[in-house]
PDB file of N, CA and C in Angstrom:
ATOM      1  N   MET A   1      31.526 -18.829 -24.447  1.00  0.00           N
ATOM      2  CA  MET A   1      30.252 -18.156 -24.590  1.00  0.00           C
ATOM      3  C   MET A   1      30.058 -17.212 -23.406  1.00  0.00           C
ATOM      4  N   SER A   2      29.553 -16.016 -23.677  1.00  0.00           N
ATOM      5  CA  SER A   2      29.354 -15.000 -22.647  1.00  0.00           C
ATOM      6  C   SER A   2      27.941 -15.060 -22.091  1.00  0.00           C
ATOM      7  N   SER A   3      27.806 -14.865 -20.793  1.00  0.00           N
ATOM      8  CA  SER A   3      26.486 -14.870 -20.153  1.00  0.00           C
ATOM      9  C   SER A   3      26.035 -13.459 -19.802  1.00  0.00           C
ATOM     10  N   HIS A   4      26.697 -12.452 -20.387  1.00  0.00           N
ATOM     11  CA  HIS A   4      26.343 -11.061 -20.099  1.00  0.00           C
ATOM     12  C   HIS A   4      25.176 -10.619 -20.971  1.00  0.00           C
ATOM     13  N   ALA A   5      24.189  -9.988 -20.335  1.00  0.00           N
ATOM     14  CA  ALA A   5      23.029  -9.464 -21.070  1.00  0.00           C
ATOM     15  C   ALA A   5      23.392  -8.114 -21.687  1.00  0.00           C
ATOM     16  N   ALA A   6      22.766  -7.795 -22.808  1.00  0.00           N
ATOM     17  CA  ALA A   6      22.976  -6.503 -23.457  1.00  0.00           C
ATOM     18  C   ALA A   6      21.886  -5.538 -23.008  1.00  0.00           C
ATOM     19  N   PHE A   7      22.268  -4.296 -22.739  1.00  0.00           N
ATOM     20  CA  PHE A   7      21.347  -3.282 -22.256  1.00  0.00           C
ATOM     21  C   PHE A   7      21.384  -2.059 -23.158  1.00  0.00           C
ATOM     22  N   TYR A   8      20.335  -1.260 -23.097  1.00  0.00           N
ATOM     23  CA  TYR A   8      20.285   0.035 -23.757  1.00  0.00           C
ATOM     24  C   TYR A   8      19.612   0.996 -22.794  1.00  0.00           C
ATOM     25  N   VAL A   9      19.666   2.269 -23.100  1.00  0.00           N
ATOM     26  CA  VAL A   9      19.094   3.290 -22.220  1.00  0.00           C
ATOM     27  C   VAL A   9      17.851   3.881 -22.871  1.00  0.00           C
ATOM     28  N   GLN A  10      16.774   3.972 -22.086  1.00  0.00           N
ATOM     29  CA  GLN A  10      15.527   4.605 -22.532  1.00  0.00           C
ATOM     30  C   GLN A  10      15.024   5.467 -21.392  1.00  0.00           C
ATOM     31  N   CYS A  11      14.530   6.635 -21.728  1.00  0.00           N
ATOM     32  CA  CYS A  11      13.958   7.518 -20.711  1.00  0.00           C
ATOM     33  C   CYS A  11      12.514   7.116 -20.444  1.00  0.00           C
ATOM     34  N   CYS A  12      12.119   7.169 -19.188  1.00  0.00           N
ATOM     35  CA  CYS A  12      10.727   6.917 -18.821  1.00  0.00           C
ATOM     36  C   CYS A  12       9.897   8.063 -19.388  1.00  0.00           C
ATOM     37  N   PRO A  13       8.819   7.759 -20.120  1.00  0.00           N
ATOM     38  CA  PRO A  13       7.999   8.829 -20.693  1.00  0.00           C
ATOM     39  C   PRO A  13       7.228   9.635 -19.653  1.00  0.00           C
ATOM     40  N   THR A  14       7.151   9.138 -18.422  1.00  0.00           N
ATOM     41  CA  THR A  14       6.414   9.840 -17.375  1.00  0.00           C
ATOM     42  C   THR A  14       7.320  10.721 -16.512  1.00  0.00           C
ATOM     43  N   CYS A  15       8.382  10.137 -15.964  1.00  0.00           N
ATOM     44  CA  CYS A  15       9.236  10.907 -15.055  1.00  0.00           C
ATOM     45  C   CYS A  15      10.531  11.390 -15.707  1.00  0.00           C
ATOM     46  N   GLY A  16      10.862  10.847 -16.881  1.00  0.00           N
ATOM     47  CA  GLY A  16      12.050  11.292 -17.598  1.00  0.00           C
ATOM     48  C   GLY A  16      13.358  10.673 -17.144  1.00  0.00           C
ATOM     49  N   ARG A  17      13.315   9.807 -16.149  1.00  0.00           N
ATOM     50  CA  ARG A  17      14.544   9.170 -15.679  1.00  0.00           C
ATOM     51  C   ARG A  17      15.107   8.241 -16.738  1.00  0.00           C
ATOM     52  N   ARG A  18      16.425   8.195 -16.828  1.00  0.00           N
ATOM     53  CA  ARG A  18      17.086   7.291 -17.768  1.00  0.00           C
ATOM     54  C   ARG A  18      17.144   5.902 -17.145  1.00  0.00           C
ATOM     55  N   LEU A  19      16.624   4.931 -17.874  1.00  0.00           N
ATOM     56  CA  LEU A  19      16.562   3.559 -17.379  1.00  0.00           C
ATOM     57  C   LEU A  19      17.440   2.653 -18.229  1.00  0.00           C
ATOM     58  N   ARG A  20      18.155   1.770 -17.596  1.00  0.00           N
ATOM     59  CA  ARG A  20      18.962   0.769 -18.287  1.00  0.00           C
ATOM     60  C   ARG A  20      18.071  -0.463 -18.465  1.00  0.00           C
ATOM     61  N   ILE A  21      17.766  -0.801 -19.727  1.00  0.00           N
ATOM     62  CA  ILE A  21      16.802  -1.858 -20.019  1.00  0.00           C
ATOM     63  C   ILE A  21      17.479  -2.968 -20.806  1.00  0.00           C
ATOM     64  N   CYS A  22      17.232  -4.192 -20.404  1.00  0.00           N
ATOM     65  CA  CYS A  22      17.768  -5.359 -21.097  1.00  0.00           C
ATOM     66  C   CYS A  22      17.096  -5.482 -22.466  1.00  0.00           C
ATOM     67  N   VAL A  23      17.878  -5.761 -23.510  1.00  0.00           N
ATOM     68  CA  VAL A  23      17.316  -5.853 -24.858  1.00  0.00           C
ATOM     69  C   VAL A  23      16.261  -6.957 -24.974  1.00  0.00           C
ATOM     70  N   GLU A  24      16.273  -7.903 -24.078  1.00  0.00           N
ATOM     71  CA  GLU A  24      15.265  -8.970 -24.096  1.00  0.00           C
ATOM     72  C   GLU A  24      13.859  -8.429 -23.858  1.00  0.00           C
ATOM     73  N   TYR A  25      13.746  -7.224 -23.273  1.00  0.00           N
ATOM     74  CA  TYR A  25      12.439  -6.638 -22.967  1.00  0.00           C
ATOM     75  C   TYR A  25      11.902  -5.732 -24.079  1.00  0.00           C
ATOM     76  N   LEU A  26      12.639  -5.571 -25.171  1.00  0.00           N
ATOM     77  CA  LEU A  26      12.172  -4.725 -26.275  1.00  0.00           C
ATOM     78  C   LEU A  26      10.789  -5.170 -26.746  1.00  0.00           C
ATOM     79  N   GLY A  27       9.868  -4.208 -26.879  1.00  0.00           N
ATOM     80  CA  GLY A  27       8.512  -4.495 -27.329  1.00  0.00           C
ATOM     81  C   GLY A  27       7.569  -4.952 -26.232  1.00  0.00           C
ATOM     82  N   ARG A  28       8.076  -5.135 -25.033  1.00  0.00           N
ATOM     83  CA  ARG A  28       7.233  -5.574 -23.908  1.00  0.00           C
ATOM     84  C   ARG A  28       6.881  -4.393 -23.005  1.00  0.00           C
ATOM     85  N   SER A  29       5.797  -4.548 -22.268  1.00  0.00           N
ATOM     86  CA  SER A  29       5.434  -3.541 -21.268  1.00  0.00           C
ATOM     87  C   SER A  29       6.353  -3.713 -20.071  1.00  0.00           C
ATOM     88  N   ILE A  30       6.899  -2.601 -19.619  1.00  0.00           N
ATOM     89  CA  ILE A  30       7.754  -2.621 -18.430  1.00  0.00           C
ATOM     90  C   ILE A  30       7.301  -1.514 -17.487  1.00  0.00           C
ATOM     91  N   GLN A  31       7.814  -1.558 -16.264  1.00  0.00           N
ATOM     92  CA  GLN A  31       7.436  -0.561 -15.268  1.00  0.00           C
ATOM     93  C   GLN A  31       8.677   0.179 -14.791  1.00  0.00           C
ATOM     94  N   CYS A  32       8.585   1.509 -14.756  1.00  0.00           N
ATOM     95  CA  CYS A  32       9.676   2.338 -14.254  1.00  0.00           C
ATOM     96  C   CYS A  32       9.856   2.057 -12.765  1.00  0.00           C
ATOM     97  N   ARG A  33      11.073   1.803 -12.377  1.00  0.00           N
ATOM     98  CA  ARG A  33      11.317   1.494 -10.960  1.00  0.00           C
ATOM     99  C   ARG A  33      11.276   2.739 -10.076  1.00  0.00           C
ATOM    100  N   HIS A  34      11.238   3.915 -10.701  1.00  0.00           N
ATOM    101  CA  HIS A  34      11.210   5.158  -9.928  1.00  0.00           C
ATOM    102  C   HIS A  34       9.787   5.664  -9.683  1.00  0.00           C
ATOM    103  N   CYS A  35       8.989   5.761 -10.772  1.00  0.00           N
ATOM    104  CA  CYS A  35       7.646   6.334 -10.631  1.00  0.00           C
ATOM    105  C   CYS A  35       6.530   5.308 -10.824  1.00  0.00           C
ATOM    106  N   ARG A  36       6.904   4.085 -11.171  1.00  0.00           N
ATOM    107  CA  ARG A  36       5.958   2.968 -11.367  1.00  0.00           C
ATOM    108  C   ARG A  36       5.095   3.088 -12.625  1.00  0.00           C
ATOM    109  N   ALA A  37       5.416   4.026 -13.525  1.00  0.00           N
ATOM    110  CA  ALA A  37       4.666   4.149 -14.785  1.00  0.00           C
ATOM    111  C   ALA A  37       4.931   2.910 -15.645  1.00  0.00           C
ATOM    112  N   VAL A  38       3.921   2.483 -16.368  1.00  0.00           N
ATOM    113  CA  VAL A  38       4.050   1.342 -17.268  1.00  0.00           C
ATOM    114  C   VAL A  38       4.125   1.867 -18.704  1.00  0.00           C
ATOM    115  N   PHE A  39       5.088   1.369 -19.464  1.00  0.00           N
ATOM    116  CA  PHE A  39       5.270   1.772 -20.850  1.00  0.00           C
ATOM    117  C   PHE A  39       5.944   0.648 -21.614  1.00  0.00           C
ATOM    118  N   VAL A  40       6.003   0.787 -22.933  1.00  0.00           N
ATOM    119  CA  VAL A  40       6.598  -0.248 -23.780  1.00  0.00           C
ATOM    120  C   VAL A  40       8.081   0.056 -23.973  1.00  0.00           C
ATOM    121  N   ALA A  41       8.915  -0.955 -23.779  1.00  0.00           N
ATOM    122  CA  ALA A  41      10.349  -0.808 -23.982  1.00  0.00           C
ATOM    123  C   ALA A  41      10.623  -0.697 -25.470  1.00  0.00           C
ATOM    124  N   ARG A  42      11.210   0.440 -25.873  1.00  0.00           N
ATOM    125  CA  ARG A  42      11.527   0.685 -27.286  1.00  0.00           C
ATOM    126  C   ARG A  42      12.929   1.270 -27.386  1.00  0.00           C
ATOM    127  N   ASP A  43      13.629   0.856 -28.408  1.00  0.00           N
ATOM    128  CA  ASP A  43      14.945   1.423 -28.672  1.00  0.00           C
ATOM    129  C   ASP A  43      14.739   2.782 -29.318  1.00  0.00           C
ATOM    130  N   PRO A  44      15.140   3.876 -28.673  1.00  0.00           N
ATOM    131  CA  PRO A  44      14.900   5.205 -29.222  1.00  0.00           C
ATOM    132  C   PRO A  44      15.596   5.438 -30.560  1.00  0.00           C
ATOM    133  N   GLU A  45      16.613   4.679 -30.877  1.00  0.00           N
ATOM    134  CA  GLU A  45      17.328   4.848 -32.135  1.00  0.00           C
ATOM    135  C   GLU A  45      16.743   4.006 -33.260  1.00  0.00           C
ATOM    136  N   SER A  46      15.697   3.241 -32.964  1.00  0.00           N
ATOM    137  CA  SER A  46      15.119   2.360 -33.979  1.00  0.00           C
ATOM    138  C   SER A  46      14.253   3.121 -34.971  1.00  0.00           C
ATOM    139  N   GLY A  47      13.804   4.322 -34.592  1.00  0.00           N
ATOM    140  CA  GLY A  47      12.941   5.100 -35.476  1.00  0.00           C
ATOM    141  C   GLY A  47      11.491   4.671 -35.411  1.00  0.00           C
ATOM    142  N   GLU A  48      11.157   3.722 -34.537  1.00  0.00           N
ATOM    143  CA  GLU A  48       9.765   3.285 -34.398  1.00  0.00           C
ATOM    144  C   GLU A  48       8.961   4.379 -33.712  1.00  0.00           C
ATOM    145  N   PRO A  49       7.751   4.666 -34.208  1.00  0.00           N
ATOM    146  CA  PRO A  49       6.923   5.675 -33.555  1.00  0.00           C
ATOM    147  C   PRO A  49       6.373   5.160 -32.234  1.00  0.00           C
ATOM    148  N   GLU A  50       6.163   6.074 -31.341  1.00  0.00           N
ATOM    149  CA  GLU A  50       5.536   5.720 -30.067  1.00  0.00           C
ATOM    150  C   GLU A  50       4.069   5.408 -30.301  1.00  0.00           C
ATOM    151  N   ASN A  51       3.579   4.369 -29.695  1.00  0.00           N
ATOM    152  CA  ASN A  51       2.176   4.017 -29.838  1.00  0.00           C
ATOM    153  C   ASN A  51       1.430   4.144 -28.518  1.00  0.00           C
ATOM    154  N   ASP A  52       1.978   4.928 -27.618  1.00  0.00           N
ATOM    155  CA  ASP A  52       1.341   5.146 -26.330  1.00  0.00           C
ATOM    156  C   ASP A  52       0.055   5.933 -26.567  1.00  0.00           C
ATOM    157  N   PRO A  53      -1.099   5.383 -26.201  1.00  0.00           N
ATOM    158  CA  PRO A  53      -2.369   6.077 -26.443  1.00  0.00           C
ATOM    159  C   PRO A  53      -2.410   7.473 -25.837  1.00  0.00           C
ATOM    160  N   ARG A  54      -1.772   7.675 -24.709  1.00  0.00           N
ATOM    161  CA  ARG A  54      -1.762   9.001 -24.087  1.00  0.00           C
ATOM    162  C   ARG A  54      -1.032  10.001 -24.975  1.00  0.00           C
ATOM    163  N   GLU A  55       0.068   9.555 -25.562  1.00  0.00           N
ATOM    164  CA  GLU A  55       0.832  10.431 -26.450  1.00  0.00           C
ATOM    165  C   GLU A  55       0.024  10.763 -27.698  1.00  0.00           C
ATOM    166  N   LEU A  56      -0.688   9.772 -28.243  1.00  0.00           N
ATOM    167  CA  LEU A  56      -1.509   9.999 -29.424  1.00  0.00           C
ATOM    168  C   LEU A  56      -2.630  10.988 -29.129  1.00  0.00           C
ATOM    169  N   VAL A  57      -3.244  10.878 -27.964  1.00  0.00           N
ATOM    170  CA  VAL A  57      -4.316  11.798 -27.581  1.00  0.00           C
ATOM    171  C   VAL A  57      -3.767  13.212 -27.425  1.00  0.00           C
ATOM    172  N   LEU A  58      -2.619  13.357 -26.787  1.00  0.00           N
ATOM    173  CA  LEU A  58      -2.036  14.689 -26.612  1.00  0.00           C
ATOM    174  C   LEU A  58      -1.683  15.326 -27.951  1.00  0.00           C
ATOM    175  N   ARG A  59      -1.160  14.526 -28.883  1.00  0.00           N
ATOM    176  CA  ARG A  59      -0.857  15.064 -30.212  1.00  0.00           C
ATOM    177  C   ARG A  59      -2.135  15.532 -30.915  1.00  0.00           C
ATOM    178  N   ARG A  60      -3.200  14.732 -30.785  1.00  0.00           N
ATOM    179  CA  ARG A  60      -4.463  15.091 -31.429  1.00  0.00           C
ATOM    180  C   ARG A  60      -5.039  16.370 -30.822  1.00  0.00           C
ATOM    181  N   VAL A  61      -4.949  16.521 -29.513  1.00  0.00           N
ATOM    182  CA  VAL A  61      -5.417  17.741 -28.847  1.00  0.00           C
ATOM    183  C   VAL A  61      -4.642  18.946 -29.380  1.00  0.00           C
ATOM    184  N   ASP A  62      -3.326  18.793 -29.504  1.00  0.00           N
ATOM    185  CA  ASP A  62      -2.513  19.880 -30.053  1.00  0.00           C
ATOM    186  C   ASP A  62      -2.943  20.235 -31.467  1.00  0.00           C
ATOM    187  N   GLU A  63      -3.252  19.208 -32.277  1.00  0.00           N
ATOM    188  CA  GLU A  63      -3.703  19.456 -33.652  1.00  0.00           C
ATOM    189  C   GLU A  63      -5.026  20.221 -33.655  1.00  0.00           C
ATOM    190  N   LEU A  64      -5.955  19.794 -32.803  1.00  0.00           N
ATOM    191  CA  LEU A  64      -7.274  20.419 -32.781  1.00  0.00           C
ATOM    192  C   LEU A  64      -7.228  21.847 -32.266  1.00  0.00           C
ATOM    193  N   LEU A  65      -6.424  22.077 -31.247  1.00  0.00           N
ATOM    194  CA  LEU A  65      -6.320  23.426 -30.690  1.00  0.00           C
ATOM    195  C   LEU A  65      -5.517  24.321 -31.609  1.00  0.00           C
ATOM    196  N   GLY A  66      -4.437  23.772 -32.142  1.00  0.00           N
ATOM    197  CA  GLY A  66      -3.588  24.528 -33.054  1.00  0.00           C
ATOM    198  C   GLY A  66      -3.325  25.929 -32.543  1.00  0.00           C
ATOM    199  N   PRO A  67      -2.856  26.783 -33.405  1.00  0.00           N
ATOM    200  CA  PRO A  67      -2.667  28.170 -32.985  1.00  0.00           C
ATOM    201  C   PRO A  67      -4.042  28.847 -32.875  1.00  0.00           C
ATOM    202  N   LEU A  68      -4.330  29.316 -31.691  1.00  0.00           N
ATOM    203  CA  LEU A  68      -5.623  29.972 -31.457  1.00  0.00           C
ATOM    204  C   LEU A  68      -5.610  31.368 -32.055  1.00  0.00           C
ATOM    205  N   GLU A  69      -6.614  31.640 -32.881  1.00  0.00           N
ATOM    206  CA  GLU A  69      -6.722  32.960 -33.514  1.00  0.00           C
ATOM    207  C   GLU A  69      -7.746  33.787 -32.743  1.00  0.00           C
ATOM    208  N   PRO A  70      -7.458  35.058 -32.555  1.00  0.00           N
ATOM    209  CA  PRO A  70      -8.405  35.903 -31.823  1.00  0.00           C
ATOM    210  C   PRO A  70      -9.702  36.067 -32.611  1.00  0.00           C
ATOM    211  N   VAL A  71     -10.805  36.080 -31.880  1.00  0.00           N
ATOM    212  CA  VAL A  71     -12.119  36.270 -32.490  1.00  0.00           C
ATOM    213  C   VAL A  71     -12.385  37.758 -32.590  1.00  0.00           C
ATOM    214  N   SER A  72     -12.808  38.255 -33.770  1.00  0.00           N
ATOM    215  CA  SER A  72     -13.071  39.692 -33.915  1.00  0.00           C
ATOM    216  C   SER A  72     -14.512  40.009 -33.675  1.00  0.00           C
TER     217      SER A  72
END
């Protein structure tokens, strides 16, 4: 039996650094060791959407602002 843990790579959503994360932490909140940002460990290849409230707010702002049309 092997005692080696399995890891995957995920980029920190705040600083963009590539982090090696143990699969045991999938779905849990973790902290980037570089910038100290807290985020949920997700496998980027799983196809699961990000549920980070900050990301959802930014997407909504983009939707509301949309392409700005000049006022005549």
